[in-house]
């Protein structure tokens, strides 16, 4: 799937984003969090970013808690050795 994506990547879309494990653990430790949902958003400069939010057992976003919006974006911060980026 990542290969097909790279072959037809829309302009402005990242290959990947890396979130710190401590941030992920904090998000998943939110009260009532049973799942993780990924949204995509656009900054004012036009760059697309993943947004991670916890989800409760009813399938509802937990928007009054931790929402992760800042990650290391690839490019420019990419791993050269992963088959998922070649």
Protein backbone atom coordinates (compact mmCIF):
# COMPACT_ATOMS: atom_id res chain seq x y z
CA UNK A 1 0.00 0.00 0.00
CA UNK A 2 2.81 2.44 0.79
CA UNK A 3 4.39 1.74 -2.61
CA UNK A 4 1.15 2.50 -4.46
CA UNK A 5 0.74 5.66 -2.41
CA UNK A 6 4.29 6.82 -3.23
CA UNK A 7 3.65 6.21 -6.93
CA UNK A 8 0.69 8.58 -6.92
CA UNK A 9 1.30 10.82 -3.92
CA UNK A 10 -0.86 13.94 -4.01
CA UNK A 11 1.01 17.24 -3.83
CA UNK A 12 1.74 18.36 -0.30
CA UNK A 13 1.12 14.98 1.31
CA UNK A 14 3.80 13.52 3.58
CA UNK A 15 5.18 10.00 3.24
CA UNK A 16 4.88 9.55 6.99
CA UNK A 17 4.85 11.27 10.35
CA UNK A 18 6.54 10.11 13.54
CA UNK A 19 4.98 10.71 16.95
CA UNK A 20 6.92 10.25 20.19
CA UNK A 21 5.96 7.13 22.17
CA UNK A 22 5.45 9.15 25.36
CA UNK A 23 2.83 11.27 23.57
CA UNK A 24 1.06 8.18 22.20
CA UNK A 25 1.03 6.55 25.65
CA UNK A 26 -0.39 9.72 27.21
CA UNK A 27 -3.12 9.85 24.57
CA UNK A 28 -4.05 6.18 25.03
CA UNK A 29 -4.06 6.63 28.83
CA UNK A 30 -6.82 9.25 28.66
CA UNK A 31 -9.89 8.23 30.71
CA UNK A 32 -12.34 6.16 28.59
CA UNK A 33 -9.92 5.87 25.65
CA UNK A 34 -10.39 2.52 23.89
CA UNK A 35 -9.08 3.33 20.41
CA UNK A 36 -7.10 5.80 18.35
CA UNK A 37 -8.42 7.78 15.38
CA UNK A 38 -6.31 9.55 12.76
CA UNK A 39 -7.56 12.68 11.05
CA UNK A 40 -5.76 14.76 8.48
CA UNK A 41 -5.51 18.51 8.71
CA UNK A 42 -3.89 21.37 6.90
CA UNK A 43 -1.78 24.11 8.45
CA UNK A 44 -2.08 27.67 7.20
CA UNK A 45 1.11 27.15 5.17
CA UNK A 46 -0.69 24.38 3.25
CA UNK A 47 1.19 21.40 4.71
CA UNK A 48 -0.92 18.32 5.48
CA UNK A 49 -0.52 16.67 8.88
CA UNK A 50 -1.89 13.69 10.78
CA UNK A 51 -3.93 14.47 13.89
CA UNK A 52 -4.34 11.72 16.50
CA UNK A 53 -7.27 11.67 18.92
CA UNK A 54 -8.51 9.13 21.44
CA UNK A 55 -11.86 7.42 20.91
CA UNK A 56 -14.20 6.10 23.61
CA UNK A 57 -16.11 2.81 23.59
CA UNK A 58 -19.08 4.52 21.90
CA UNK A 59 -16.84 5.47 18.96
CA UNK A 60 -16.83 9.16 19.93
CA UNK A 61 -13.76 11.39 19.70
CA UNK A 62 -12.33 12.48 23.04
CA UNK A 63 -11.83 16.13 22.16
CA UNK A 64 -11.51 17.49 25.69
CA UNK A 65 -8.26 15.62 26.28
CA UNK A 66 -4.96 15.15 24.53
CA UNK A 67 -4.92 15.66 20.77
CA UNK A 68 -1.63 15.07 18.97
CA UNK A 69 -0.94 17.43 16.10
CA UNK A 70 2.83 17.86 16.04
CA UNK A 71 5.01 15.09 14.62
CA UNK A 72 8.25 14.70 12.72
CA UNK A 73 7.14 14.87 9.09
CA UNK A 74 8.71 12.94 6.21
CA UNK A 75 9.95 14.65 4.20
CA UNK A 76 12.18 16.21 5.48
CA UNK A 77 12.81 13.85 8.44
CA UNK A 78 12.78 10.39 6.82
CA UNK A 79 14.31 7.02 7.44
CA UNK A 80 16.47 5.78 4.58
CA UNK A 81 16.42 2.10 5.51
CA UNK A 82 12.71 1.29 5.60
CA UNK A 83 11.14 -0.74 2.79
CA UNK A 84 8.01 1.35 3.45
CA UNK A 85 9.71 4.43 2.01
CA UNK A 86 11.48 2.85 -0.98
